[in-house]
N, C-alpha and C. Protein backbone atom coordinates (compact mmCIF):
# COMPACT_ATOMS: atom_id res chain seq x y z
N MET A 1 0.76 -1.10 -0.07
CA MET A 1 -0.09 0.00 -0.04
C MET A 1 0.85 1.27 -0.05
N ALA A 2 2.13 1.16 0.01
CA ALA A 2 3.06 2.26 0.03
C ALA A 2 2.95 2.90 -1.26
N ASP A 3 3.19 4.34 -1.25
CA ASP A 3 3.08 4.94 -2.58
C ASP A 3 4.46 5.69 -2.89
N LYS A 4 5.37 5.73 -2.06
CA LYS A 4 6.59 6.24 -2.32
C LYS A 4 7.64 5.18 -2.43
N PRO A 5 8.80 5.35 -3.22
CA PRO A 5 9.73 4.29 -3.37
C PRO A 5 10.33 3.85 -2.08
N ASN A 6 10.68 4.86 -1.30
CA ASN A 6 11.33 4.52 0.00
C ASN A 6 10.50 3.67 0.93
N GLU A 7 9.19 3.87 0.88
CA GLU A 7 8.21 3.13 1.63
C GLU A 7 8.08 1.71 1.08
N VAL A 8 8.21 1.57 -0.15
CA VAL A 8 8.18 0.32 -0.88
C VAL A 8 9.46 -0.48 -0.49
N TYR A 9 10.50 0.16 -0.48
CA TYR A 9 11.85 -0.50 -0.18
C TYR A 9 11.89 -0.97 1.22
N ILE A 10 11.39 -0.19 2.21
CA ILE A 10 11.30 -0.63 3.52
C ILE A 10 10.42 -1.79 3.75
N ASP A 11 9.23 -1.73 3.04
CA ASP A 11 8.26 -2.85 3.12
C ASP A 11 9.03 -4.19 2.67
N ILE A 12 9.68 -4.01 1.53
CA ILE A 12 10.47 -5.17 1.01
C ILE A 12 11.47 -5.70 1.91
N LEU A 13 12.31 -4.68 2.53
CA LEU A 13 13.33 -5.16 3.56
C LEU A 13 12.74 -5.81 4.61
N VAL A 14 11.59 -5.40 5.29
CA VAL A 14 10.98 -6.13 6.42
C VAL A 14 10.64 -7.50 5.93
N ASP A 15 9.91 -7.59 4.83
CA ASP A 15 9.70 -8.94 4.47
C ASP A 15 10.88 -9.91 4.18
N ARG A 16 11.87 -9.37 3.58
CA ARG A 16 13.05 -10.17 3.37
C ARG A 16 13.86 -10.37 4.59
N MET A 17 13.71 -9.69 5.61
CA MET A 17 14.49 -9.95 6.96
C MET A 17 14.02 -11.15 7.51
N PHE A 18 12.80 -11.26 7.48
CA PHE A 18 12.30 -12.60 8.20
C PHE A 18 12.75 -13.83 7.45
N ILE A 19 12.65 -13.75 6.11
CA ILE A 19 13.13 -14.98 5.34
C ILE A 19 14.57 -15.13 5.32
N ALA A 20 15.28 -14.07 5.24
CA ALA A 20 16.83 -14.17 5.18
C ALA A 20 17.43 -14.61 6.38
N GLN A 21 16.82 -14.42 7.53
CA GLN A 21 17.40 -14.79 8.85
C GLN A 21 17.63 -16.35 8.86
N ARG A 22 16.79 -16.97 8.20
CA ARG A 22 16.93 -18.52 8.16
C ARG A 22 18.17 -18.97 7.53
N THR A 23 18.84 -18.20 6.63
CA THR A 23 20.01 -18.67 5.98
C THR A 23 21.18 -18.59 6.85
N GLY A 24 21.12 -17.77 7.98
CA GLY A 24 22.17 -17.70 8.86
C GLY A 24 23.33 -16.81 8.35
N GLN A 25 23.22 -16.17 7.22
CA GLN A 25 24.24 -15.26 6.76
C GLN A 25 23.78 -13.84 6.52
N SER A 26 22.58 -13.53 7.00
CA SER A 26 22.00 -12.36 6.87
C SER A 26 22.53 -11.22 7.70
N TYR A 27 22.74 -10.07 7.32
CA TYR A 27 23.06 -8.84 8.14
C TYR A 27 21.90 -7.99 8.50
N TYR A 28 20.60 -8.49 8.12
CA TYR A 28 19.44 -7.72 8.32
C TYR A 28 19.32 -7.41 9.87
N GLY A 29 19.70 -8.30 10.68
CA GLY A 29 19.49 -8.15 12.09
C GLY A 29 20.25 -7.06 12.63
N ARG A 30 21.19 -6.52 11.96
CA ARG A 30 21.98 -5.33 12.31
C ARG A 30 21.31 -4.05 11.94
N LEU A 31 20.29 -4.00 11.24
CA LEU A 31 19.57 -2.82 10.74
C LEU A 31 18.52 -2.51 11.70
N TYR A 32 18.90 -1.62 12.73
CA TYR A 32 18.00 -1.32 13.82
C TYR A 32 17.07 -0.26 13.56
N ASP A 33 17.37 0.84 12.99
CA ASP A 33 16.62 2.00 12.70
C ASP A 33 16.14 2.05 11.22
N LEU A 34 15.09 1.56 10.88
CA LEU A 34 14.68 1.52 9.42
C LEU A 34 14.23 3.01 8.99
N ASP A 35 13.86 3.86 9.88
CA ASP A 35 13.60 5.24 9.49
C ASP A 35 14.89 5.91 8.93
N LYS A 36 16.03 5.58 9.67
CA LYS A 36 17.33 6.13 9.15
C LYS A 36 17.81 5.41 7.88
N VAL A 37 17.40 4.12 7.80
CA VAL A 37 17.82 3.38 6.52
C VAL A 37 16.97 3.96 5.37
N GLU A 38 15.81 4.36 5.64
CA GLU A 38 14.92 4.91 4.63
C GLU A 38 15.41 6.29 4.06
N VAL A 39 15.93 7.16 5.00
CA VAL A 39 16.58 8.35 4.57
C VAL A 39 17.94 8.07 3.91
N PHE A 40 18.58 7.10 4.39
CA PHE A 40 19.84 6.83 3.69
C PHE A 40 19.63 6.40 2.19
N LEU A 41 18.69 5.63 2.01
CA LEU A 41 18.47 5.13 0.57
C LEU A 41 18.14 6.29 -0.36
N GLU A 42 17.64 7.37 -0.07
CA GLU A 42 17.24 8.47 -0.82
C GLU A 42 16.40 8.07 -2.12
N ASN A 43 15.60 7.08 -1.91
CA ASN A 43 14.76 6.53 -3.05
C ASN A 43 15.48 5.91 -4.20
N ASP A 44 16.81 5.69 -4.01
CA ASP A 44 17.54 5.24 -5.08
C ASP A 44 17.61 3.65 -5.17
N ILE A 45 17.13 3.15 -6.28
CA ILE A 45 17.12 1.78 -6.55
C ILE A 45 18.50 1.02 -6.59
N CYS A 46 19.52 1.78 -6.95
CA CYS A 46 20.84 1.16 -6.91
C CYS A 46 21.28 0.99 -5.51
N THR A 47 21.18 1.87 -4.73
CA THR A 47 21.55 1.77 -3.31
C THR A 47 20.74 0.68 -2.71
N PHE A 48 19.48 0.63 -2.94
CA PHE A 48 18.67 -0.50 -2.36
C PHE A 48 19.14 -1.89 -2.81
N THR A 49 19.45 -1.92 -4.05
CA THR A 49 19.83 -3.20 -4.57
C THR A 49 21.16 -3.62 -3.92
N PHE A 50 22.03 -2.75 -3.79
CA PHE A 50 23.39 -3.06 -3.17
C PHE A 50 23.12 -3.46 -1.77
N LEU A 51 22.33 -2.75 -1.03
CA LEU A 51 21.94 -3.03 0.38
C LEU A 51 21.32 -4.44 0.55
N VAL A 52 20.47 -4.87 -0.29
CA VAL A 52 19.83 -6.17 -0.33
C VAL A 52 20.93 -7.31 -0.59
N LEU A 53 21.66 -7.14 -1.58
CA LEU A 53 22.69 -8.07 -1.93
C LEU A 53 23.74 -8.26 -0.82
N PHE A 54 24.19 -7.02 -0.18
CA PHE A 54 25.21 -7.09 0.88
C PHE A 54 24.51 -7.66 2.07
N SER A 55 23.34 -7.44 2.48
CA SER A 55 22.69 -7.95 3.60
C SER A 55 22.48 -9.37 3.56
N GLU A 56 22.22 -9.92 2.36
CA GLU A 56 21.77 -11.34 2.24
C GLU A 56 22.90 -12.31 1.97
N SER A 57 23.97 -11.84 1.42
CA SER A 57 24.89 -12.82 0.80
C SER A 57 26.31 -12.71 1.35
N GLU A 58 26.81 -13.73 2.10
CA GLU A 58 28.21 -13.65 2.56
C GLU A 58 29.24 -13.57 1.40
N LYS A 59 28.91 -14.31 0.29
CA LYS A 59 29.78 -14.34 -0.87
C LYS A 59 29.84 -12.86 -1.40
N PHE A 60 28.70 -12.23 -1.58
CA PHE A 60 28.70 -10.91 -2.07
C PHE A 60 29.47 -9.98 -1.21
N ARG A 61 29.42 -10.09 0.02
CA ARG A 61 30.17 -9.25 0.98
C ARG A 61 31.58 -9.57 0.86
N GLU A 62 31.99 -10.86 0.75
CA GLU A 62 33.43 -11.10 0.50
C GLU A 62 34.03 -10.57 -0.84
N GLY A 63 33.11 -10.54 -1.88
CA GLY A 63 33.44 -10.04 -3.23
C GLY A 63 33.76 -8.63 -3.26
N VAL A 64 32.88 -7.86 -2.53
CA VAL A 64 33.03 -6.34 -2.65
C VAL A 64 34.02 -5.71 -1.58
N ARG A 65 34.34 -6.48 -0.58
CA ARG A 65 35.25 -6.04 0.44
C ARG A 65 36.68 -6.48 0.04
N PRO A 66 37.70 -5.56 0.37
CA PRO A 66 39.01 -6.06 0.03
C PRO A 66 39.43 -7.33 0.80
N ASN A 67 40.08 -8.14 0.10
CA ASN A 67 40.61 -9.43 0.69
C ASN A 67 41.97 -9.07 1.41
N GLN A 68 42.66 -10.23 1.81
CA GLN A 68 43.96 -9.94 2.51
C GLN A 68 44.92 -9.33 1.52
N TYR A 69 44.86 -9.38 0.29
CA TYR A 69 45.77 -8.87 -0.63
C TYR A 69 45.23 -7.44 -1.15
N GLY A 70 44.04 -7.02 -0.57
CA GLY A 70 43.62 -5.77 -0.99
C GLY A 70 42.70 -5.69 -2.24
N ASP A 71 42.46 -6.83 -2.81
CA ASP A 71 41.64 -6.98 -3.97
C ASP A 71 40.10 -7.06 -3.76
N SER A 72 39.40 -6.60 -4.50
CA SER A 72 37.97 -6.69 -4.46
C SER A 72 37.39 -6.49 -5.69
N HIS A 73 35.98 -6.75 -5.90
CA HIS A 73 35.26 -6.57 -7.14
C HIS A 73 34.43 -5.40 -6.93
N PHE A 74 34.66 -4.57 -5.98
CA PHE A 74 33.69 -3.45 -5.62
C PHE A 74 33.44 -2.53 -6.91
N ASP A 75 34.49 -2.05 -7.59
CA ASP A 75 34.17 -1.09 -8.70
C ASP A 75 33.41 -1.77 -9.80
N ILE A 76 33.68 -3.10 -10.09
CA ILE A 76 32.92 -3.69 -11.16
C ILE A 76 31.51 -3.84 -10.74
N VAL A 77 31.29 -4.27 -9.57
CA VAL A 77 29.86 -4.44 -9.07
C VAL A 77 29.11 -3.14 -9.05
N ILE A 78 29.69 -2.09 -8.71
CA ILE A 78 29.17 -0.83 -8.66
C ILE A 78 28.74 -0.37 -10.19
N GLU A 79 29.60 -0.57 -11.05
CA GLU A 79 29.31 -0.32 -12.45
C GLU A 79 28.26 -1.06 -13.02
N VAL A 80 28.19 -2.45 -12.76
CA VAL A 80 27.22 -3.29 -13.26
C VAL A 80 25.72 -2.82 -12.61
N ILE A 81 25.86 -2.85 -11.31
CA ILE A 81 24.40 -2.50 -10.79
C ILE A 81 23.88 -1.21 -11.15
N TYR A 82 24.80 -0.23 -11.31
CA TYR A 82 24.37 1.09 -11.81
C TYR A 82 23.82 1.09 -13.23
N GLU A 83 24.62 0.42 -14.04
CA GLU A 83 24.20 0.34 -15.50
C GLU A 83 22.95 -0.44 -15.72
N VAL A 84 22.66 -1.45 -14.93
CA VAL A 84 21.33 -2.18 -15.16
C VAL A 84 20.23 -1.46 -14.66
N CYS A 85 20.43 -0.87 -13.30
CA CYS A 85 19.38 -0.02 -12.82
C CYS A 85 19.06 1.28 -13.61
N LYS A 86 20.07 1.86 -14.25
CA LYS A 86 19.87 3.02 -15.02
C LYS A 86 18.94 2.70 -16.23
N LYS A 87 19.25 1.61 -16.89
CA LYS A 87 18.60 1.17 -18.11
C LYS A 87 17.24 0.70 -17.82
N ARG A 88 16.96 0.08 -16.60
CA ARG A 88 15.76 -0.58 -16.39
C ARG A 88 14.81 0.11 -15.37
N SER A 89 15.22 1.16 -14.87
CA SER A 89 14.33 1.79 -13.78
C SER A 89 14.43 3.45 -13.82
N ALA A 90 13.32 4.00 -13.62
CA ALA A 90 13.31 5.43 -13.40
C ALA A 90 13.66 5.78 -12.07
N LEU A 91 14.02 4.85 -11.13
CA LEU A 91 14.20 5.10 -9.77
C LEU A 91 15.73 5.16 -9.48
N CYS A 92 16.41 5.35 -10.43
CA CYS A 92 17.97 5.59 -10.29
C CYS A 92 18.21 7.03 -10.17
N TYR A 93 18.23 7.52 -8.85
CA TYR A 93 18.30 9.01 -8.70
C TYR A 93 19.65 9.50 -8.44
N LEU A 94 20.55 8.68 -7.97
CA LEU A 94 21.88 9.23 -7.76
C LEU A 94 22.85 9.07 -8.97
N SER A 95 23.84 9.84 -8.96
CA SER A 95 24.96 9.60 -9.96
C SER A 95 25.75 8.35 -9.57
N GLN A 96 26.57 7.84 -10.61
CA GLN A 96 27.28 6.63 -10.17
C GLN A 96 28.26 6.94 -8.98
N SER A 97 28.84 8.24 -9.00
CA SER A 97 29.83 8.39 -7.93
C SER A 97 29.12 8.57 -6.67
N GLU A 98 27.89 9.13 -6.59
CA GLU A 98 27.13 9.20 -5.40
C GLU A 98 26.69 7.82 -4.91
N PHE A 99 26.37 6.92 -5.86
CA PHE A 99 25.93 5.60 -5.50
C PHE A 99 27.13 4.81 -4.95
N LYS A 100 28.32 5.12 -5.49
CA LYS A 100 29.49 4.45 -5.13
C LYS A 100 29.86 4.85 -3.65
N LEU A 101 29.67 6.04 -3.25
CA LEU A 101 29.94 6.53 -1.95
C LEU A 101 28.86 5.82 -1.05
N LYS A 102 27.63 5.80 -1.39
CA LYS A 102 26.69 5.09 -0.48
C LYS A 102 26.97 3.49 -0.35
N ALA A 103 27.44 2.87 -1.39
CA ALA A 103 27.78 1.50 -1.31
C ALA A 103 29.05 1.31 -0.47
N ASN A 104 29.96 2.25 -0.55
CA ASN A 104 31.10 2.20 0.27
C ASN A 104 30.74 2.24 1.74
N LYS A 105 29.82 3.09 2.19
CA LYS A 105 29.37 3.23 3.51
C LYS A 105 28.65 1.97 3.97
N ILE A 106 27.89 1.24 3.08
CA ILE A 106 27.32 -0.03 3.39
C ILE A 106 28.47 -1.03 3.52
N CYS A 107 29.41 -1.13 2.74
CA CYS A 107 30.56 -2.08 3.04
C CYS A 107 31.25 -1.83 4.30
N ARG A 108 31.30 -0.60 4.76
CA ARG A 108 32.01 -0.26 5.99
C ARG A 108 31.03 -0.41 7.22
N LEU A 109 29.94 -0.99 6.89
CA LEU A 109 28.85 -1.17 7.87
C LEU A 109 28.27 0.01 8.51
N HIS A 110 28.50 1.20 7.84
CA HIS A 110 27.93 2.48 8.38
C HIS A 110 26.38 2.39 8.61
N ILE A 111 25.73 1.84 7.67
CA ILE A 111 24.30 1.69 7.84
C ILE A 111 23.87 0.76 8.91
N TYR A 112 24.59 -0.16 9.23
CA TYR A 112 24.20 -1.12 10.25
C TYR A 112 24.41 -0.60 11.57
N ASN A 113 24.97 0.47 11.85
CA ASN A 113 25.28 1.10 13.10
C ASN A 113 24.43 2.27 13.38
N PHE A 114 23.39 2.47 12.64
CA PHE A 114 22.46 3.63 12.94
C PHE A 114 21.83 3.31 14.32
C-alpha cells in the first residue's frame, strides 16, 4: 500500500528480513533503525539493490570488500548495478559516484550502526 519508493523499499526489507534470517548469513538483524535506513536510501534503486545483496549474501560481501591482498570486485559491481538499474528503472536517482559513496558506506557497515 506504500506510494513512495522508500516506503516500498522498507516494506520489501521487512519481508526479506524474516526470510533471510533462516540462511544464517543475513546482516538484516543489524539494521536497527529503519527510518534512518529509509533516509539513507534516498529513493535510489541502486543503493537499495546493493543493500539487499550485501545484507543477504556472505559471498557478495566477500567479493566487494578487500581481501587479504587488498583485491575486491567493488568497482565492477558498482558499475554493473548502476548500469542495469539506470537502463531498467526510473528510480535511479543518484549519479554513479554518489551511489559508489553510499555502497562504500554499506561495505564499511555504516548503515548497520544507525
